[in-house]
Amino acid sequence: MDLKILIKNIKSDWNTILLQLEFKKYITPIQELLKKEHEIYVPDIQIFPPQNLIFKAFEYCNLNDIRVVIMGQDCYHAPGQAMGLCFSVPKDKRIPPSLRNIYKELHNDIGFEIPSHGDLTPWAKQGVLLLNSALTVRQSTPMSHMKVWKPFTDSIISYISKNSSKPIVFMLWGNSSKSKQKFIDKRHKILTSHHPSPLSANRGGWFGCKHFSKCNDFLETIGEKKINWDNHILE
């Protein structure tokens, strides 16, 4: 696996941004970890997502097309779920509990009709960067790659905050995501809450956060088009 080649193949301006010196220093330790993990575990235990999907979140919009950043925690660690977009799963996969809670909050917040699938690609196509704090994970081992990816994604959030041509809405869900808040300039809108996973959400702090309506209210105040959260209608 050559991460630099994967980055060069990204179909947006991130294919050059991520090869700048600011990010390149993080690539080597990530690559070394992934190589070691493949040697030790594969094929009996897999690394998710597939190599060609590791940087998928960056393919849907150039830097200045980003309107919203939703920050997840870790990739899904069961076979066939992780697709390079936080909280999203392919249409033929069962909707995971965290995404089901996101849908419930959307329904309560804006009247969202809960769909039969969990593919959030239509959000990404509207300028919603669906980014995890860790872009890979070992099968059945949550947070297994978090330590090596965290400096990289910290730097991503800082770069977006400093270099975006317009204010952005940052949705930070869970402790890993909320730790990114210190990298975000005050001109942006920051929305924080507990993680939507059942263990966290059922303790309070997720349901009733109304992040989706608050996001659109902010976008409207700065003259930006609202996000159409009804992804099941779009595709």
C-alpha atoms as a PDB file:
ATOM      1  CA  MET A   1       0.000   0.000   0.000  1.00  0.00           C
ATOM      2  CA  ASP A   2       1.416   3.370  -1.055  1.00  0.00           C
ATOM      3  CA  LEU A   3      -0.597   6.143   0.595  1.00  0.00           C
ATOM      4  CA  LYS A   4       0.997   8.806  -1.582  1.00  0.00           C
ATOM      5  CA  ILE A   5      -0.324   7.100  -4.708  1.00  0.00           C
ATOM      6  CA  LEU A   6      -3.778   6.837  -3.135  1.00  0.00           C
ATOM      7  CA  ILE A   7      -3.645  10.561  -2.351  1.00  0.00           C
ATOM      8  CA  LYS A   8      -2.552  11.444  -5.895  1.00  0.00           C
ATOM      9  CA  ASN A   9      -5.609   9.578  -7.191  1.00  0.00           C
ATOM     10  CA  ILE A  10      -8.086  11.680  -5.172  1.00  0.00           C
ATOM     11  CA  LYS A  11     -10.424  13.420  -7.626  1.00  0.00           C
ATOM     12  CA  SER A  12     -10.321  16.883  -6.039  1.00  0.00           C
ATOM     13  CA  ASP A  13      -7.760  19.520  -5.061  1.00  0.00           C
ATOM     14  CA  TRP A  14      -7.006  17.466  -1.949  1.00  0.00           C
ATOM     15  CA  ASN A  15      -4.738  15.361  -4.161  1.00  0.00           C
ATOM     16  CA  THR A  16      -2.189  18.185  -3.982  1.00  0.00           C
ATOM     17  CA  ILE A  17      -3.108  19.638  -0.576  1.00  0.00           C
ATOM     18  CA  LEU A  18      -2.445  16.357   1.243  1.00  0.00           C
ATOM     19  CA  LEU A  19       1.018  16.039  -0.288  1.00  0.00           C
ATOM     20  CA  GLN A  20       2.163  19.379   1.105  1.00  0.00           C
ATOM     21  CA  LEU A  21       4.874  19.290   3.756  1.00  0.00           C
ATOM     22  CA  GLU A  22       2.287  20.081   6.440  1.00  0.00           C
ATOM     23  CA  PHE A  23       0.721  16.641   5.946  1.00  0.00           C
ATOM     24  CA  LYS A  24       3.525  14.554   4.438  1.00  0.00           C
ATOM     25  CA  LYS A  25       5.266  14.165   7.797  1.00  0.00           C
ATOM     26  CA  TYR A  26       2.306  12.116   9.048  1.00  0.00           C
ATOM     27  CA  ILE A  27       2.127   9.799   6.044  1.00  0.00           C
ATOM     28  CA  THR A  28       5.225   7.710   6.828  1.00  0.00           C
ATOM     29  CA  PRO A  29       4.185   6.549  10.334  1.00  0.00           C
ATOM     30  CA  ILE A  30       0.676   5.778   9.077  1.00  0.00           C
ATOM     31  CA  GLN A  31       2.086   3.797   6.166  1.00  0.00           C
ATOM     32  CA  GLU A  32       4.452   1.907   8.450  1.00  0.00           C
ATOM     33  CA  LEU A  33       1.614   0.937  10.788  1.00  0.00           C
ATOM     34  CA  LEU A  34      -0.610  -0.244   7.953  1.00  0.00           C
ATOM     35  CA  LYS A  35       2.213  -2.282   6.429  1.00  0.00           C
ATOM     36  CA  LYS A  36       2.919  -3.936   9.777  1.00  0.00           C
ATOM     37  CA  GLU A  37      -0.757  -4.637  10.386  1.00  0.00           C
ATOM     38  CA  HIS A  38      -1.138  -6.228   6.952  1.00  0.00           C
ATOM     39  CA  GLU A  39       1.889  -8.436   7.542  1.00  0.00           C
ATOM     40  CA  ILE A  40       0.620  -9.594  10.936  1.00  0.00           C
ATOM     41  CA  TYR A  41      -3.132  -9.919  10.429  1.00  0.00           C
ATOM     42  CA  VAL A  42      -4.184 -10.140   6.782  1.00  0.00           C
ATOM     43  CA  PRO A  43      -5.870 -12.258   5.380  1.00  0.00           C
ATOM     44  CA  ASP A  44      -7.271 -13.771   8.592  1.00  0.00           C
ATOM     45  CA  ILE A  45      -8.149 -10.340   9.987  1.00  0.00           C
ATOM     46  CA  GLN A  46      -8.895  -7.441   7.661  1.00  0.00           C
ATOM     47  CA  ILE A  47      -8.061  -3.745   7.693  1.00  0.00           C
ATOM     48  CA  PHE A  48     -11.009  -1.458   6.879  1.00  0.00           C
ATOM     49  CA  PRO A  49     -11.954   0.295   4.697  1.00  0.00           C
ATOM     50  CA  PRO A  50     -10.503  -1.160   1.460  1.00  0.00           C
ATOM     51  CA  GLN A  51      -7.384   0.717   0.341  1.00  0.00           C
ATOM     52  CA  ASN A  52      -9.136   2.566  -2.481  1.00  0.00           C
ATOM     53  CA  LEU A  53     -11.659   4.034  -0.022  1.00  0.00           C
ATOM     54  CA  ILE A  54      -9.301   5.318   2.691  1.00  0.00           C
ATOM     55  CA  PHE A  55      -9.399   8.903   1.380  1.00  0.00           C
ATOM     56  CA  LYS A  56     -12.891   8.710  -0.159  1.00  0.00           C
ATOM     57  CA  ALA A  57     -14.238  11.558   1.996  1.00  0.00           C
ATOM     58  CA  PHE A  58     -11.987  14.023   0.145  1.00  0.00           C
ATOM     59  CA  GLU A  59     -13.189  13.076  -3.345  1.00  0.00           C
ATOM     60  CA  TYR A  60     -16.561  14.777  -3.325  1.00  0.00           C
ATOM     61  CA  CYS A  61     -15.592  18.413  -2.919  1.00  0.00           C
ATOM     62  CA  ASN A  62     -12.664  20.756  -3.238  1.00  0.00           C
ATOM     63  CA  LEU A  63     -11.531  22.651  -0.155  1.00  0.00           C
ATOM     64  CA  ASN A  64     -13.597  25.756  -0.921  1.00  0.00           C
ATOM     65  CA  ASP A  65     -16.698  23.703  -1.734  1.00  0.00           C
ATOM     66  CA  ILE A  66     -16.902  22.356   1.822  1.00  0.00           C
ATOM     67  CA  ARG A  67     -19.867  23.800   3.695  1.00  0.00           C
ATOM     68  CA  VAL A  68     -20.120  21.355   6.591  1.00  0.00           C
ATOM     69  CA  VAL A  69     -17.691  19.017   8.343  1.00  0.00           C
ATOM     70  CA  ILE A  70     -19.181  16.087  10.260  1.00  0.00           C
ATOM     71  CA  MET A  71     -16.464  14.583  12.406  1.00  0.00           C
ATOM     72  CA  GLY A  72     -16.816  10.934  13.306  1.00  0.00           C
ATOM     73  CA  GLN A  73     -14.651   8.893  15.618  1.00  0.00           C
ATOM     74  CA  ASP A  74     -13.546   5.586  14.145  1.00  0.00           C
ATOM     75  CA  CYS A  75     -14.251   3.580  11.002  1.00  0.00           C
ATOM     76  CA  TYR A  76     -16.785   0.789  11.191  1.00  0.00           C
ATOM     77  CA  HIS A  77     -14.848  -2.369  12.036  1.00  0.00           C
ATOM     78  CA  ALA A  78     -17.180  -5.094  10.735  1.00  0.00           C
ATOM     79  CA  PRO A  79     -16.799  -6.540   7.203  1.00  0.00           C
ATOM     80  CA  GLY A  80     -18.369  -4.571   4.379  1.00  0.00           C
ATOM     81  CA  GLN A  81     -19.443  -1.533   6.401  1.00  0.00           C
ATOM     82  CA  ALA A  82     -16.661   1.080   6.161  1.00  0.00           C
ATOM     83  CA  MET A  83     -16.785   3.062   2.915  1.00  0.00           C
ATOM     84  CA  GLY A  84     -14.532   6.028   3.690  1.00  0.00           C
ATOM     85  CA  LEU A  85     -17.357   8.334   4.806  1.00  0.00           C
ATOM     86  CA  CYS A  86     -18.017   8.642   8.528  1.00  0.00           C
ATOM     87  CA  PHE A  87     -21.262   7.002   9.706  1.00  0.00           C
ATOM     88  CA  SER A  88     -22.085   5.886   6.153  1.00  0.00           C
ATOM     89  CA  VAL A  89     -22.546   2.280   4.988  1.00  0.00           C
ATOM     90  CA  PRO A  90     -23.300   0.817   1.544  1.00  0.00           C
ATOM     91  CA  LYS A  91     -26.973   0.534   0.636  1.00  0.00           C
ATOM     92  CA  ASP A  92     -26.979  -3.259   0.958  1.00  0.00           C
ATOM     93  CA  LYS A  93     -25.764  -3.146   4.576  1.00  0.00           C
ATOM     94  CA  ARG A  94     -27.910  -2.900   7.681  1.00  0.00           C
ATOM     95  CA  ILE A  95     -28.051   0.609   9.171  1.00  0.00           C
ATOM     96  CA  PRO A  96     -25.678   0.650  12.189  1.00  0.00           C
ATOM     97  CA  PRO A  97     -26.973   1.800  15.609  1.00  0.00           C
ATOM     98  CA  SER A  98     -25.092   5.141  15.561  1.00  0.00           C
ATOM     99  CA  LEU A  99     -26.515   6.070  12.167  1.00  0.00           C
ATOM    100  CA  ARG A 100     -29.960   4.946  13.256  1.00  0.00           C
ATOM    101  CA  ASN A 101     -29.714   7.430  16.136  1.00  0.00           C
ATOM    102  CA  ILE A 102     -28.590  10.134  13.715  1.00  0.00           C
ATOM    103  CA  TYR A 103     -31.673   9.418  11.627  1.00  0.00           C
ATOM    104  CA  LYS A 104     -33.898   9.568  14.727  1.00  0.00           C
ATOM    105  CA  GLU A 105     -32.496  12.977  15.637  1.00  0.00           C
ATOM    106  CA  LEU A 106     -32.971  14.164  12.055  1.00  0.00           C
ATOM    107  CA  HIS A 107     -36.578  13.008  12.190  1.00  0.00           C
ATOM    108  CA  ASN A 108     -37.216  14.798  15.466  1.00  0.00           C
ATOM    109  CA  ASP A 109     -35.339  17.911  14.356  1.00  0.00           C
ATOM    110  CA  ILE A 110     -36.539  18.515  10.794  1.00  0.00           C
ATOM    111  CA  GLY A 111     -39.182  15.860  10.083  1.00  0.00           C
ATOM    112  CA  PHE A 112     -36.702  13.679   8.167  1.00  0.00           C
ATOM    113  CA  GLU A 113     -38.291  10.483   6.850  1.00  0.00           C
ATOM    114  CA  ILE A 114     -36.030   7.642   7.960  1.00  0.00           C
ATOM    115  CA  PRO A 115     -34.790   5.742   4.877  1.00  0.00           C
ATOM    116  CA  SER A 116     -34.146   2.039   4.376  1.00  0.00           C
ATOM    117  CA  HIS A 117     -30.410   2.472   3.739  1.00  0.00           C
ATOM    118  CA  GLY A 118     -27.382   4.148   5.292  1.00  0.00           C
ATOM    119  CA  ASP A 119     -25.490   5.522   2.286  1.00  0.00           C
ATOM    120  CA  LEU A 120     -24.699   9.187   3.001  1.00  0.00           C
ATOM    121  CA  THR A 121     -22.970   9.875  -0.318  1.00  0.00           C
ATOM    122  CA  PRO A 122     -25.600  12.503  -1.302  1.00  0.00           C
ATOM    123  CA  TRP A 123     -24.583  14.551   1.742  1.00  0.00           C
ATOM    124  CA  ALA A 124     -20.948  14.412   0.636  1.00  0.00           C
ATOM    125  CA  LYS A 125     -21.937  15.594  -2.835  1.00  0.00           C
ATOM    126  CA  GLN A 126     -23.472  18.722  -1.286  1.00  0.00           C
ATOM    127  CA  GLY A 127     -20.234  19.775   0.388  1.00  0.00           C
ATOM    128  CA  VAL A 128     -20.499  17.817   3.640  1.00  0.00           C
ATOM    129  CA  LEU A 129     -17.077  16.405   4.509  1.00  0.00           C
ATOM    130  CA  LEU A 130     -17.765  13.120   6.312  1.00  0.00           C
ATOM    131  CA  LEU A 131     -14.450  12.622   8.058  1.00  0.00           C
ATOM    132  CA  ASN A 132     -13.436  10.159  10.759  1.00  0.00           C
ATOM    133  CA  SER A 133     -10.721  10.915  13.310  1.00  0.00           C
ATOM    134  CA  ALA A 134      -9.072   7.659  12.211  1.00  0.00           C
ATOM    135  CA  LEU A 135      -9.284   6.691   8.540  1.00  0.00           C
ATOM    136  CA  THR A 136      -8.525   2.988   9.030  1.00  0.00           C
ATOM    137  CA  VAL A 137      -9.205   0.334  11.650  1.00  0.00           C
ATOM    138  CA  ARG A 138      -8.389  -3.320  12.296  1.00  0.00           C
ATOM    139  CA  GLN A 139     -11.331  -5.692  12.052  1.00  0.00           C
ATOM    140  CA  SER A 140     -13.265  -6.067  15.332  1.00  0.00           C
ATOM    141  CA  THR A 141     -10.771  -3.784  17.126  1.00  0.00           C
ATOM    142  CA  PRO A 142     -12.233  -0.288  17.628  1.00  0.00           C
ATOM    143  CA  MET A 143      -9.758   2.600  17.918  1.00  0.00           C
ATOM    144  CA  SER A 144      -6.869   0.310  16.898  1.00  0.00           C
ATOM    145  CA  HIS A 145      -5.412   2.905  14.504  1.00  0.00           C
ATOM    146  CA  MET A 146      -6.571   6.084  16.238  1.00  0.00           C
ATOM    147  CA  LYS A 147      -3.212   7.066  17.730  1.00  0.00           C
ATOM    148  CA  VAL A 148      -1.385   7.175  14.396  1.00  0.00           C
ATOM    149  CA  TRP A 149      -4.176   8.945  12.490  1.00  0.00           C
ATOM    150  CA  LYS A 150      -5.053  11.600  15.075  1.00  0.00           C
ATOM    151  CA  PRO A 151      -2.191  14.040  14.258  1.00  0.00           C
ATOM    152  CA  PHE A 152      -3.101  13.797  10.581  1.00  0.00           C
ATOM    153  CA  THR A 153      -6.798  14.556  11.066  1.00  0.00           C
ATOM    154  CA  ASP A 154      -5.985  17.273  13.623  1.00  0.00           C
ATOM    155  CA  SER A 155      -3.928  18.921  10.910  1.00  0.00           C
ATOM    156  CA  ILE A 156      -6.745  18.490   8.364  1.00  0.00           C
ATOM    157  CA  ILE A 157      -9.229  20.321  10.582  1.00  0.00           C
ATOM    158  CA  SER A 158      -6.725  23.088  11.278  1.00  0.00           C
ATOM    159  CA  TYR A 159      -5.995  23.476   7.563  1.00  0.00           C
ATOM    160  CA  ILE A 160      -9.676  23.661   6.625  1.00  0.00           C
ATOM    161  CA  SER A 161     -10.320  26.200   9.366  1.00  0.00           C
ATOM    162  CA  LYS A 162      -7.472  28.462   8.267  1.00  0.00           C
ATOM    163  CA  ASN A 163      -7.776  28.138   4.498  1.00  0.00           C
ATOM    164  CA  SER A 164     -11.476  27.875   3.724  1.00  0.00           C
ATOM    165  CA  SER A 165     -12.717  30.898   1.802  1.00  0.00           C
ATOM    166  CA  LYS A 166     -15.935  31.020   3.837  1.00  0.00           C
ATOM    167  CA  PRO A 167     -17.286  30.051   7.267  1.00  0.00           C
ATOM    168  CA  ILE A 168     -18.023  26.349   7.727  1.00  0.00           C
ATOM    169  CA  VAL A 169     -20.245  24.408  10.120  1.00  0.00           C
ATOM    170  CA  PHE A 170     -18.256  21.868  12.157  1.00  0.00           C
ATOM    171  CA  MET A 171     -20.299  19.114  13.811  1.00  0.00           C
ATOM    172  CA  LEU A 172     -18.151  17.394  16.442  1.00  0.00           C
ATOM    173  CA  TRP A 173     -19.736  14.295  17.941  1.00  0.00           C
ATOM    174  CA  GLY A 174     -18.033  12.408  20.764  1.00  0.00           C
ATOM    175  CA  ASN A 175     -14.815  13.070  22.650  1.00  0.00           C
ATOM    176  CA  SER A 176     -12.433  12.268  19.783  1.00  0.00           C
ATOM    177  CA  SER A 177     -14.238  14.733  17.575  1.00  0.00           C
ATOM    178  CA  LYS A 178     -14.682  17.413  20.228  1.00  0.00           C
ATOM    179  CA  SER A 179     -10.920  17.407  20.787  1.00  0.00           C
ATOM    180  CA  LYS A 180     -10.625  19.019  17.327  1.00  0.00           C
ATOM    181  CA  GLN A 181     -12.403  22.152  18.524  1.00  0.00           C
ATOM    182  CA  LYS A 182      -9.136  23.816  19.526  1.00  0.00           C
ATOM    183  CA  PHE A 183      -8.021  23.778  15.886  1.00  0.00           C
ATOM    184  CA  ILE A 184     -11.034  25.705  14.588  1.00  0.00           C
ATOM    185  CA  ASP A 185     -11.107  29.496  14.165  1.00  0.00           C
ATOM    186  CA  LYS A 186     -13.937  31.531  15.696  1.00  0.00           C
ATOM    187  CA  ARG A 187     -15.326  32.598  12.310  1.00  0.00           C
ATOM    188  CA  HIS A 188     -16.756  29.104  11.901  1.00  0.00           C
ATOM    189  CA  LYS A 189     -19.857  27.593  13.511  1.00  0.00           C
ATOM    190  CA  ILE A 190     -19.018  24.776  15.950  1.00  0.00           C
ATOM    191  CA  LEU A 191     -21.701  22.346  17.112  1.00  0.00           C
ATOM    192  CA  THR A 192     -20.724  19.742  19.714  1.00  0.00           C
ATOM    193  CA  SER A 193     -22.596  16.856  21.303  1.00  0.00           C
ATOM    194  CA  HIS A 194     -22.187  13.380  22.718  1.00  0.00           C
ATOM    195  CA  HIS A 195     -21.572  10.624  20.200  1.00  0.00           C
ATOM    196  CA  PRO A 196     -24.735   9.174  18.624  1.00  0.00           C
ATOM    197  CA  SER A 197     -23.797   5.597  19.564  1.00  0.00           C
ATOM    198  CA  PRO A 198     -26.441   3.955  21.794  1.00  0.00           C
ATOM    199  CA  LEU A 199     -24.131   3.802  24.817  1.00  0.00           C
ATOM    200  CA  SER A 200     -23.521   7.549  24.661  1.00  0.00           C
ATOM    201  CA  ALA A 201     -26.768   8.830  23.160  1.00  0.00           C
ATOM    202  CA  ASN A 202     -28.994   7.071  25.674  1.00  0.00           C
ATOM    203  CA  ARG A 203     -27.215   8.886  28.514  1.00  0.00           C
ATOM    204  CA  GLY A 204     -28.371  12.213  27.138  1.00  0.00           C
ATOM    205  CA  GLY A 205     -26.616  14.895  25.102  1.00  0.00           C
ATOM    206  CA  TRP A 206     -27.377  13.586  21.621  1.00  0.00           C
ATOM    207  CA  PHE A 207     -31.145  13.524  21.200  1.00  0.00           C
ATOM    208  CA  GLY A 208     -32.450  17.063  21.060  1.00  0.00           C
ATOM    209  CA  CYS A 209     -29.143  18.617  19.936  1.00  0.00           C
ATOM    210  CA  LYS A 210     -30.896  19.875  16.757  1.00  0.00           C
ATOM    211  CA  HIS A 211     -27.601  20.128  14.909  1.00  0.00           C
ATOM    212  CA  PHE A 212     -29.167  19.722  11.488  1.00  0.00           C
ATOM    213  CA  SER A 213     -31.568  22.649  11.737  1.00  0.00           C
ATOM    214  CA  LYS A 214     -28.914  24.757  13.487  1.00  0.00           C
ATOM    215  CA  CYS A 215     -26.521  23.986  10.653  1.00  0.00           C
ATOM    216  CA  ASN A 216     -28.978  25.109   7.993  1.00  0.00           C
ATOM    217  CA  ASP A 217     -29.923  28.196   9.971  1.00  0.00           C
ATOM    218  CA  PHE A 218     -26.266  29.233  10.039  1.00  0.00           C
ATOM    219  CA  LEU A 219     -25.720  28.500   6.344  1.00  0.00           C
ATOM    220  CA  GLU A 220     -28.731  30.649   5.543  1.00  0.00           C
ATOM    221  CA  THR A 221     -27.376  33.584   7.574  1.00  0.00           C
ATOM    222  CA  ILE A 222     -24.150  33.603   5.540  1.00  0.00           C
ATOM    223  CA  GLY A 223     -25.937  33.296   2.212  1.00  0.00           C
ATOM    224  CA  GLU A 224     -25.130  29.639   1.624  1.00  0.00           C
ATOM    225  CA  LYS A 225     -27.568  27.056   0.303  1.00  0.00           C
ATOM    226  CA  LYS A 226     -29.018  24.759   2.957  1.00  0.00           C
ATOM    227  CA  ILE A 227     -28.082  21.090   3.082  1.00  0.00           C
ATOM    228  CA  ASN A 228     -30.838  18.777   1.873  1.00  0.00           C
ATOM    229  CA  TRP A 229     -30.541  16.090   4.558  1.00  0.00           C
ATOM    230  CA  ASP A 230     -33.128  13.866   2.867  1.00  0.00           C
ATOM    231  CA  ASN A 231     -30.514  11.653   1.258  1.00  0.00           C
ATOM    232  CA  HIS A 232     -32.986   8.837   0.510  1.00  0.00           C
ATOM    233  CA  ILE A 233     -34.950  11.205  -1.706  1.00  0.00           C
ATOM    234  CA  LEU A 234     -31.882  12.335  -3.610  1.00  0.00           C
ATOM    235  CA  GLU A 235     -30.727   8.877  -4.644  1.00  0.00           C
END
